[in-house]
Amino acid sequence: MKLPLHRWFRYAAGFSAEWVQQVLQNTCNGVPIRLLDPFAGSGTTVLAGQAVGIEAIGLEAHPFVARIAQAKLLWGTDVAAFQALAHEIGAQAKTFRGQACCLSKTDQRMLSTSNLSRT
């Protein structure tokens, strides 16, 4: 896991992910533990726990900050699966070329051959 994952949104109440990882590694000493962060904020503690193999759960009451944490927690998304799905959608979109008369001018431009060939 790379630090830009933590640094894309400046959160005033945040703290160092490296420090959290070090504390967790020193605390658990190979013993399986569960981590509960009842004030998760932007998710640094939960992410640090996951990075060192600890089952981690975080709670955050503020809706905006919770959304930031949720976005950060998607770091484990399978990129290859996402790309495969994007290519599948692109392939299906190509089948609509002949039906462009039913689409708005903006949609017609989006489905034009020049735009679809960039995949």
Foldseek 3Di string as FASTA:
>chain_A
DDCVLVVPDDDPPDDDLVVLLVVVCVPCVPPADEEEAADCQLNSNCVSCVVNPHHYDYHHDDVVRVVNNVVSVCPPPDVVVVVVVVVVVLVVLQVCLVVCVVDDPVVNVCSDPVNSVVD
